[in-house]
Amino acid sequence: MTETHSAAGSAQEGPTKLPAHEIVYQKLRSQILFGDLVPGQAVTIQGLVETLGAGMTPVREAIRRLISDGALVFQGNRRVSVPVLGAQDLEELIFVRKTVECELARRATPHVTEAVIAQLTAIDTALDTAINTGDVAGYLVQNYSFHSLLYAHAEAPILTDIADRLWLRFGPSLRVVSGRLGTQSFPDRHKDILEALRRRDADMAALAMERDVCQGMEQVAQGLQVAN
């Protein structure tokens, strides 16, 4: 999976400067992933040019890629928006997330080192703090960071890419629902995943991931139903 919220915003700060279109893509992707763009709210291409501080060409290229990712839809009249999820969308997302992300957890288990487990534990601690303090933005970033770091060790680039695109599809709705219901309505199963990793039990890790995915997506579905 790709950069976290903070990393995406500093993509240009590396030993090798990224092309302008890649920097814009990562910035806009981060805004979508963490719910800065609300599902259904149309934004103009010119407005994105101004808010991103970028040229029209890299913004258009970023939009093209994100439409291909399923993270944006073209509304006409030079406007785009984040898709609004329906019941069928959520059903499909739950099915695919369970299939892909459980397998990623299974494959990552034999490859994570003690140092990686320590990193995941630190992220989970920060996630707990965000949940307990009602920090929606912090919750979203730490939750994504946990999954992203774990999947990076699965040695399954195709599955990891699929998972990353899935997060772009439900991330904005997760922000909306967690803002409405509060972060404490989204308890995680990360401690179960961590225990499975410490035991090097791949099946246990996959099962814990399935419960984590289902729990989170069911909360999203219920939250969106309440709103509608």
C-alpha atoms as a PDB file:
ATOM      1  CA  MET A   1       0.000   0.000   0.000  1.00  0.00           C
ATOM      2  CA  THR A   2       1.109   3.572  -0.517  1.00  0.00           C
ATOM      3  CA  GLU A   3       2.011   6.482   1.721  1.00  0.00           C
ATOM      4  CA  THR A   4       0.096   7.491   4.840  1.00  0.00           C
ATOM      5  CA  HIS A   5      -1.601  10.879   5.203  1.00  0.00           C
ATOM      6  CA  SER A   6       1.533  12.665   6.393  1.00  0.00           C
ATOM      7  CA  ALA A   7       3.842  10.894   3.995  1.00  0.00           C
ATOM      8  CA  ALA A   8       1.686  11.665   1.002  1.00  0.00           C
ATOM      9  CA  GLY A   9       1.813  15.338   1.798  1.00  0.00           C
ATOM     10  CA  SER A  10       5.618  15.308   1.820  1.00  0.00           C
ATOM     11  CA  ALA A  11       6.159  13.114  -1.211  1.00  0.00           C
ATOM     12  CA  GLN A  12       8.502  15.652  -2.714  1.00  0.00           C
ATOM     13  CA  GLU A  13      10.837  15.523   0.292  1.00  0.00           C
ATOM     14  CA  GLY A  14      13.051  12.634  -0.610  1.00  0.00           C
ATOM     15  CA  PRO A  15      16.471  11.998  -2.060  1.00  0.00           C
ATOM     16  CA  THR A  16      14.775  11.747  -5.456  1.00  0.00           C
ATOM     17  CA  LYS A  17      12.111  14.331  -6.208  1.00  0.00           C
ATOM     18  CA  LEU A  18       8.944  12.832  -7.627  1.00  0.00           C
ATOM     19  CA  PRO A  19       7.431  14.171 -10.864  1.00  0.00           C
ATOM     20  CA  ALA A  20       4.790  16.863 -10.407  1.00  0.00           C
ATOM     21  CA  HIS A  21       1.962  14.593 -11.553  1.00  0.00           C
ATOM     22  CA  GLU A  22       2.926  11.938  -8.977  1.00  0.00           C
ATOM     23  CA  ILE A  23       3.072  14.496  -6.158  1.00  0.00           C
ATOM     24  CA  VAL A  24      -0.384  15.785  -7.099  1.00  0.00           C
ATOM     25  CA  TYR A  25      -1.734  12.241  -7.374  1.00  0.00           C
ATOM     26  CA  GLN A  26      -0.489  11.348  -3.889  1.00  0.00           C
ATOM     27  CA  LYS A  27      -1.902  14.545  -2.369  1.00  0.00           C
ATOM     28  CA  LEU A  28      -5.318  14.095  -3.949  1.00  0.00           C
ATOM     29  CA  ARG A  29      -5.316  10.386  -3.182  1.00  0.00           C
ATOM     30  CA  SER A  30      -4.613  11.166   0.471  1.00  0.00           C
ATOM     31  CA  GLN A  31      -7.475  13.667   0.594  1.00  0.00           C
ATOM     32  CA  ILE A  32      -9.841  11.009  -0.759  1.00  0.00           C
ATOM     33  CA  LEU A  33      -8.503   8.156   1.383  1.00  0.00           C
ATOM     34  CA  PHE A  34      -8.901  10.077   4.634  1.00  0.00           C
ATOM     35  CA  GLY A  35     -12.232  11.668   3.813  1.00  0.00           C
ATOM     36  CA  ASP A  36     -11.210  15.271   3.186  1.00  0.00           C
ATOM     37  CA  LEU A  37     -13.446  15.037   0.110  1.00  0.00           C
ATOM     38  CA  VAL A  38     -16.994  14.087   1.111  1.00  0.00           C
ATOM     39  CA  PRO A  39     -18.776  11.422  -0.975  1.00  0.00           C
ATOM     40  CA  GLY A  40     -21.192  12.996  -3.424  1.00  0.00           C
ATOM     41  CA  GLN A  41     -19.803  16.517  -3.101  1.00  0.00           C
ATOM     42  CA  ALA A  42     -18.787  17.731  -6.565  1.00  0.00           C
ATOM     43  CA  VAL A  43     -15.574  19.721  -6.896  1.00  0.00           C
ATOM     44  CA  THR A  44     -14.347  21.525  -9.961  1.00  0.00           C
ATOM     45  CA  ILE A  45     -11.075  20.723 -11.639  1.00  0.00           C
ATOM     46  CA  GLN A  46     -10.137  24.386 -11.340  1.00  0.00           C
ATOM     47  CA  GLY A  47     -10.909  24.246  -7.631  1.00  0.00           C
ATOM     48  CA  LEU A  48      -8.544  21.293  -7.221  1.00  0.00           C
ATOM     49  CA  VAL A  49      -5.866  23.180  -9.151  1.00  0.00           C
ATOM     50  CA  GLU A  50      -6.138  26.003  -6.625  1.00  0.00           C
ATOM     51  CA  THR A  51      -6.342  23.891  -3.450  1.00  0.00           C
ATOM     52  CA  LEU A  52      -3.502  21.595  -4.519  1.00  0.00           C
ATOM     53  CA  GLY A  53      -1.360  24.460  -5.752  1.00  0.00           C
ATOM     54  CA  ALA A  54      -0.594  22.622  -8.956  1.00  0.00           C
ATOM     55  CA  GLY A  55      -0.910  23.050 -12.691  1.00  0.00           C
ATOM     56  CA  MET A  56      -3.896  21.942 -14.730  1.00  0.00           C
ATOM     57  CA  THR A  57      -2.007  19.132 -16.504  1.00  0.00           C
ATOM     58  CA  PRO A  58      -0.821  17.218 -13.386  1.00  0.00           C
ATOM     59  CA  VAL A  59      -4.228  17.674 -11.763  1.00  0.00           C
ATOM     60  CA  ARG A  60      -5.976  16.241 -14.824  1.00  0.00           C
ATOM     61  CA  GLU A  61      -3.554  13.302 -14.845  1.00  0.00           C
ATOM     62  CA  ALA A  62      -4.169  12.660 -11.126  1.00  0.00           C
ATOM     63  CA  ILE A  63      -7.926  12.774 -11.679  1.00  0.00           C
ATOM     64  CA  ARG A  64      -7.631  10.356 -14.600  1.00  0.00           C
ATOM     65  CA  ARG A  65      -5.711   7.871 -12.453  1.00  0.00           C
ATOM     66  CA  LEU A  66      -8.107   8.192  -9.528  1.00  0.00           C
ATOM     67  CA  ILE A  67     -11.114   7.656 -11.781  1.00  0.00           C
ATOM     68  CA  SER A  68      -9.370   4.502 -12.981  1.00  0.00           C
ATOM     69  CA  ASP A  69      -8.846   3.514  -9.325  1.00  0.00           C
ATOM     70  CA  GLY A  70     -12.586   3.924  -8.702  1.00  0.00           C
ATOM     71  CA  ALA A  71     -11.904   6.723  -6.215  1.00  0.00           C
ATOM     72  CA  LEU A  72     -13.501   9.499  -8.299  1.00  0.00           C
ATOM     73  CA  VAL A  73     -16.309   9.756 -10.832  1.00  0.00           C
ATOM     74  CA  PHE A  74     -16.653  12.377 -13.548  1.00  0.00           C
ATOM     75  CA  GLN A  75     -19.764  14.521 -13.140  1.00  0.00           C
ATOM     76  CA  GLY A  76     -19.537  16.571 -16.327  1.00  0.00           C
ATOM     77  CA  ASN A  77     -19.023  20.320 -16.601  1.00  0.00           C
ATOM     78  CA  ARG A  78     -15.435  19.854 -15.390  1.00  0.00           C
ATOM     79  CA  ARG A  79     -16.543  18.454 -12.042  1.00  0.00           C
ATOM     80  CA  VAL A  80     -15.648  15.249 -10.236  1.00  0.00           C
ATOM     81  CA  SER A  81     -16.819  13.684  -6.993  1.00  0.00           C
ATOM     82  CA  VAL A  82     -16.115  10.821  -4.631  1.00  0.00           C
ATOM     83  CA  PRO A  83     -18.664   8.041  -5.279  1.00  0.00           C
ATOM     84  CA  VAL A  84     -21.503   7.524  -2.816  1.00  0.00           C
ATOM     85  CA  LEU A  85     -21.623   3.909  -1.659  1.00  0.00           C
ATOM     86  CA  GLY A  86     -24.880   1.975  -1.965  1.00  0.00           C
ATOM     87  CA  ALA A  87     -25.897  -1.303  -0.331  1.00  0.00           C
ATOM     88  CA  GLN A  88     -24.630  -3.361  -3.280  1.00  0.00           C
ATOM     89  CA  ASP A  89     -21.289  -1.535  -3.207  1.00  0.00           C
ATOM     90  CA  LEU A  90     -20.858  -2.307   0.483  1.00  0.00           C
ATOM     91  CA  GLU A  91     -21.751  -5.958   0.001  1.00  0.00           C
ATOM     92  CA  GLU A  92     -19.132  -6.312  -2.725  1.00  0.00           C
ATOM     93  CA  LEU A  93     -16.523  -4.415  -0.724  1.00  0.00           C
ATOM     94  CA  ILE A  94     -17.011  -6.670   2.296  1.00  0.00           C
ATOM     95  CA  PHE A  95     -16.663  -9.776   0.139  1.00  0.00           C
ATOM     96  CA  VAL A  96     -13.524  -8.598  -1.670  1.00  0.00           C
ATOM     97  CA  ARG A  97     -11.886  -7.147   1.446  1.00  0.00           C
ATOM     98  CA  LYS A  98     -12.405 -10.423   3.324  1.00  0.00           C
ATOM     99  CA  THR A  99     -10.956 -12.384   0.427  1.00  0.00           C
ATOM    100  CA  VAL A 100      -7.951 -10.172  -0.272  1.00  0.00           C
ATOM    101  CA  GLU A 101      -6.994  -8.746   3.106  1.00  0.00           C
ATOM    102  CA  CYS A 102      -7.310 -12.010   5.007  1.00  0.00           C
ATOM    103  CA  GLU A 103      -4.959 -13.598   2.499  1.00  0.00           C
ATOM    104  CA  LEU A 104      -2.537 -10.689   2.852  1.00  0.00           C
ATOM    105  CA  ALA A 105      -2.525 -11.148   6.640  1.00  0.00           C
ATOM    106  CA  ARG A 106      -1.930 -14.869   6.165  1.00  0.00           C
ATOM    107  CA  ARG A 107       0.963 -14.293   3.777  1.00  0.00           C
ATOM    108  CA  ALA A 108       2.529 -11.546   5.885  1.00  0.00           C
ATOM    109  CA  THR A 109       2.654 -13.629   9.077  1.00  0.00           C
ATOM    110  CA  PRO A 110       5.843 -15.606   8.340  1.00  0.00           C
ATOM    111  CA  HIS A 111       7.652 -12.504   7.079  1.00  0.00           C
ATOM    112  CA  VAL A 112       7.107  -9.958   9.852  1.00  0.00           C
ATOM    113  CA  THR A 113      10.099  -9.511  12.144  1.00  0.00           C
ATOM    114  CA  GLU A 114      10.054  -8.578  15.814  1.00  0.00           C
ATOM    115  CA  ALA A 115      10.917  -5.025  14.765  1.00  0.00           C
ATOM    116  CA  VAL A 116       7.895  -4.868  12.472  1.00  0.00           C
ATOM    117  CA  ILE A 117       5.652  -6.260  15.207  1.00  0.00           C
ATOM    118  CA  ALA A 118       6.975  -3.515  17.493  1.00  0.00           C
ATOM    119  CA  GLN A 119       6.098  -0.921  14.839  1.00  0.00           C
ATOM    120  CA  LEU A 120       2.610  -2.358  14.442  1.00  0.00           C
ATOM    121  CA  THR A 121       2.154  -2.352  18.220  1.00  0.00           C
ATOM    122  CA  ALA A 122       3.158   1.322  18.402  1.00  0.00           C
ATOM    123  CA  ILE A 123       0.683   2.170  15.640  1.00  0.00           C
ATOM    124  CA  ASP A 124      -2.053   0.271  17.462  1.00  0.00           C
ATOM    125  CA  THR A 125      -1.289   2.201  20.653  1.00  0.00           C
ATOM    126  CA  ALA A 126      -1.622   5.470  18.760  1.00  0.00           C
ATOM    127  CA  LEU A 127      -4.867   4.148  17.280  1.00  0.00           C
ATOM    128  CA  ASP A 128      -6.228   3.414  20.761  1.00  0.00           C
ATOM    129  CA  THR A 129      -5.412   6.971  21.795  1.00  0.00           C
ATOM    130  CA  ALA A 130      -7.237   8.356  18.767  1.00  0.00           C
ATOM    131  CA  ILE A 131     -10.291   6.190  19.525  1.00  0.00           C
ATOM    132  CA  ASN A 132     -10.372   7.197  23.189  1.00  0.00           C
ATOM    133  CA  THR A 133      -9.970  10.921  22.473  1.00  0.00           C
ATOM    134  CA  GLY A 134     -12.383  11.076  19.547  1.00  0.00           C
ATOM    135  CA  ASP A 135      -9.637  12.012  17.093  1.00  0.00           C
ATOM    136  CA  VAL A 136     -11.308  11.002  13.821  1.00  0.00           C
ATOM    137  CA  ALA A 137      -8.430  12.082  11.581  1.00  0.00           C
ATOM    138  CA  GLY A 138      -5.895  10.304  13.791  1.00  0.00           C
ATOM    139  CA  TYR A 139      -8.029   7.179  13.872  1.00  0.00           C
ATOM    140  CA  LEU A 140      -8.216   7.033  10.079  1.00  0.00           C
ATOM    141  CA  VAL A 141      -4.492   7.569   9.591  1.00  0.00           C
ATOM    142  CA  GLN A 142      -3.375   5.065  12.244  1.00  0.00           C
ATOM    143  CA  ASN A 143      -5.883   2.438  11.113  1.00  0.00           C
ATOM    144  CA  TYR A 144      -4.677   2.709   7.527  1.00  0.00           C
ATOM    145  CA  SER A 145      -1.034   2.733   8.654  1.00  0.00           C
ATOM    146  CA  PHE A 146      -1.485  -0.535  10.557  1.00  0.00           C
ATOM    147  CA  HIS A 147      -2.966  -2.355   7.583  1.00  0.00           C
ATOM    148  CA  SER A 148      -0.564  -0.770   5.119  1.00  0.00           C
ATOM    149  CA  LEU A 149       2.534  -1.794   7.081  1.00  0.00           C
ATOM    150  CA  LEU A 150       1.277  -5.347   7.580  1.00  0.00           C
ATOM    151  CA  TYR A 151       0.357  -5.854   3.923  1.00  0.00           C
ATOM    152  CA  ALA A 152       3.708  -4.487   2.796  1.00  0.00           C
ATOM    153  CA  HIS A 153       5.282  -7.649   4.248  1.00  0.00           C
ATOM    154  CA  ALA A 154       2.977 -10.097   2.476  1.00  0.00           C
ATOM    155  CA  GLU A 155       5.234 -10.226  -0.584  1.00  0.00           C
ATOM    156  CA  ALA A 156       2.099 -10.148  -2.734  1.00  0.00           C
ATOM    157  CA  PRO A 157       2.204  -6.944  -4.804  1.00  0.00           C
ATOM    158  CA  ILE A 158      -0.901  -7.694  -6.880  1.00  0.00           C
ATOM    159  CA  LEU A 159      -3.049  -8.395  -3.828  1.00  0.00           C
ATOM    160  CA  THR A 160      -1.595  -5.371  -2.046  1.00  0.00           C
ATOM    161  CA  ASP A 161      -2.481  -3.116  -4.976  1.00  0.00           C
ATOM    162  CA  ILE A 162      -6.042  -4.449  -4.975  1.00  0.00           C
ATOM    163  CA  ALA A 163      -6.351  -3.792  -1.241  1.00  0.00           C
ATOM    164  CA  ASP A 164      -5.072  -0.269  -1.673  1.00  0.00           C
ATOM    165  CA  ARG A 165      -7.722   0.483  -4.293  1.00  0.00           C
ATOM    166  CA  LEU A 166     -10.400  -0.962  -2.035  1.00  0.00           C
ATOM    167  CA  TRP A 167      -9.413   1.416   0.765  1.00  0.00           C
ATOM    168  CA  LEU A 168      -9.821   4.341  -1.617  1.00  0.00           C
ATOM    169  CA  ARG A 169     -13.413   3.244  -2.218  1.00  0.00           C
ATOM    170  CA  PHE A 170     -14.580   2.972   1.392  1.00  0.00           C
ATOM    171  CA  GLY A 171     -12.213   5.397   3.160  1.00  0.00           C
ATOM    172  CA  PRO A 172     -14.316   8.532   2.528  1.00  0.00           C
ATOM    173  CA  SER A 173     -17.467   6.838   3.855  1.00  0.00           C
ATOM    174  CA  LEU A 174     -15.541   5.587   6.902  1.00  0.00           C
ATOM    175  CA  ARG A 175     -14.653   9.224   7.650  1.00  0.00           C
ATOM    176  CA  VAL A 176     -18.287  10.295   7.354  1.00  0.00           C
ATOM    177  CA  VAL A 177     -19.600   7.508   9.575  1.00  0.00           C
ATOM    178  CA  SER A 178     -16.896   7.768  12.227  1.00  0.00           C
ATOM    179  CA  GLY A 179     -17.560  11.499  12.376  1.00  0.00           C
ATOM    180  CA  ARG A 180     -21.269  10.875  12.923  1.00  0.00           C
ATOM    181  CA  LEU A 181     -21.079   7.912  15.298  1.00  0.00           C
ATOM    182  CA  GLY A 182     -17.783   8.695  17.018  1.00  0.00           C
ATOM    183  CA  THR A 183     -14.497   6.807  16.965  1.00  0.00           C
ATOM    184  CA  GLN A 184     -15.477   4.571  19.880  1.00  0.00           C
ATOM    185  CA  SER A 185     -18.054   2.904  17.630  1.00  0.00           C
ATOM    186  CA  PHE A 186     -15.132   1.466  15.644  1.00  0.00           C
ATOM    187  CA  PRO A 187     -13.224  -0.855  18.001  1.00  0.00           C
ATOM    188  CA  ASP A 188     -10.560  -2.841  16.163  1.00  0.00           C
ATOM    189  CA  ARG A 189      -9.269  -6.404  16.235  1.00  0.00           C
ATOM    190  CA  HIS A 190      -5.667  -5.365  15.820  1.00  0.00           C
ATOM    191  CA  LYS A 191      -4.578  -6.841  19.147  1.00  0.00           C
ATOM    192  CA  ASP A 192      -5.837 -10.226  17.975  1.00  0.00           C
ATOM    193  CA  ILE A 193      -3.846  -9.786  14.776  1.00  0.00           C
ATOM    194  CA  LEU A 194      -0.744  -8.840  16.757  1.00  0.00           C
ATOM    195  CA  GLU A 195      -1.110 -11.901  18.979  1.00  0.00           C
ATOM    196  CA  ALA A 196      -1.371 -14.100  15.882  1.00  0.00           C
ATOM    197  CA  LEU A 197       1.770 -12.518  14.446  1.00  0.00           C
ATOM    198  CA  ARG A 198       3.686 -13.125  17.675  1.00  0.00           C
ATOM    199  CA  ARG A 199       2.629 -16.770  17.567  1.00  0.00           C
ATOM    200  CA  ARG A 200       3.467 -17.005  13.841  1.00  0.00           C
ATOM    201  CA  ASP A 201      -0.042 -18.400  13.379  1.00  0.00           C
ATOM    202  CA  ALA A 202      -1.091 -17.473   9.835  1.00  0.00           C
ATOM    203  CA  ASP A 203      -4.585 -18.957  10.125  1.00  0.00           C
ATOM    204  CA  MET A 204      -5.222 -17.050  13.335  1.00  0.00           C
ATOM    205  CA  ALA A 205      -4.036 -13.838  11.675  1.00  0.00           C
ATOM    206  CA  ALA A 206      -6.368 -14.380   8.726  1.00  0.00           C
ATOM    207  CA  LEU A 207      -9.330 -15.025  11.037  1.00  0.00           C
ATOM    208  CA  ALA A 208      -8.584 -11.946  13.131  1.00  0.00           C
ATOM    209  CA  MET A 209      -8.323  -9.866   9.963  1.00  0.00           C
ATOM    210  CA  GLU A 210     -11.672 -11.192   8.744  1.00  0.00           C
ATOM    211  CA  ARG A 211     -13.300 -10.138  12.008  1.00  0.00           C
ATOM    212  CA  ASP A 212     -11.637  -6.728  11.835  1.00  0.00           C
ATOM    213  CA  VAL A 213     -12.817  -6.153   8.253  1.00  0.00           C
ATOM    214  CA  CYS A 214     -16.372  -7.356   8.898  1.00  0.00           C
ATOM    215  CA  GLN A 215     -16.726  -5.359  12.094  1.00  0.00           C
ATOM    216  CA  GLY A 216     -15.563  -2.141  10.462  1.00  0.00           C
ATOM    217  CA  MET A 217     -17.580  -2.521   7.280  1.00  0.00           C
ATOM    218  CA  GLU A 218     -20.752  -3.442   9.184  1.00  0.00           C
ATOM    219  CA  GLN A 219     -20.381  -0.217  11.162  1.00  0.00           C
ATOM    220  CA  VAL A 220     -19.985   1.719   7.919  1.00  0.00           C
ATOM    221  CA  ALA A 221     -23.103   0.062   6.478  1.00  0.00           C
ATOM    222  CA  GLN A 222     -25.145   0.785   9.605  1.00  0.00           C
ATOM    223  CA  GLY A 223     -23.918   4.369   9.759  1.00  0.00           C
ATOM    224  CA  LEU A 224     -24.827   5.039   6.163  1.00  0.00           C
ATOM    225  CA  GLN A 225     -28.272   3.475   6.655  1.00  0.00           C
ATOM    226  CA  VAL A 226     -28.920   5.760   9.622  1.00  0.00           C
ATOM    227  CA  ALA A 227     -27.881   8.775   7.579  1.00  0.00           C
ATOM    228  CA  ASN A 228     -30.193   7.801   4.730  1.00  0.00           C
END
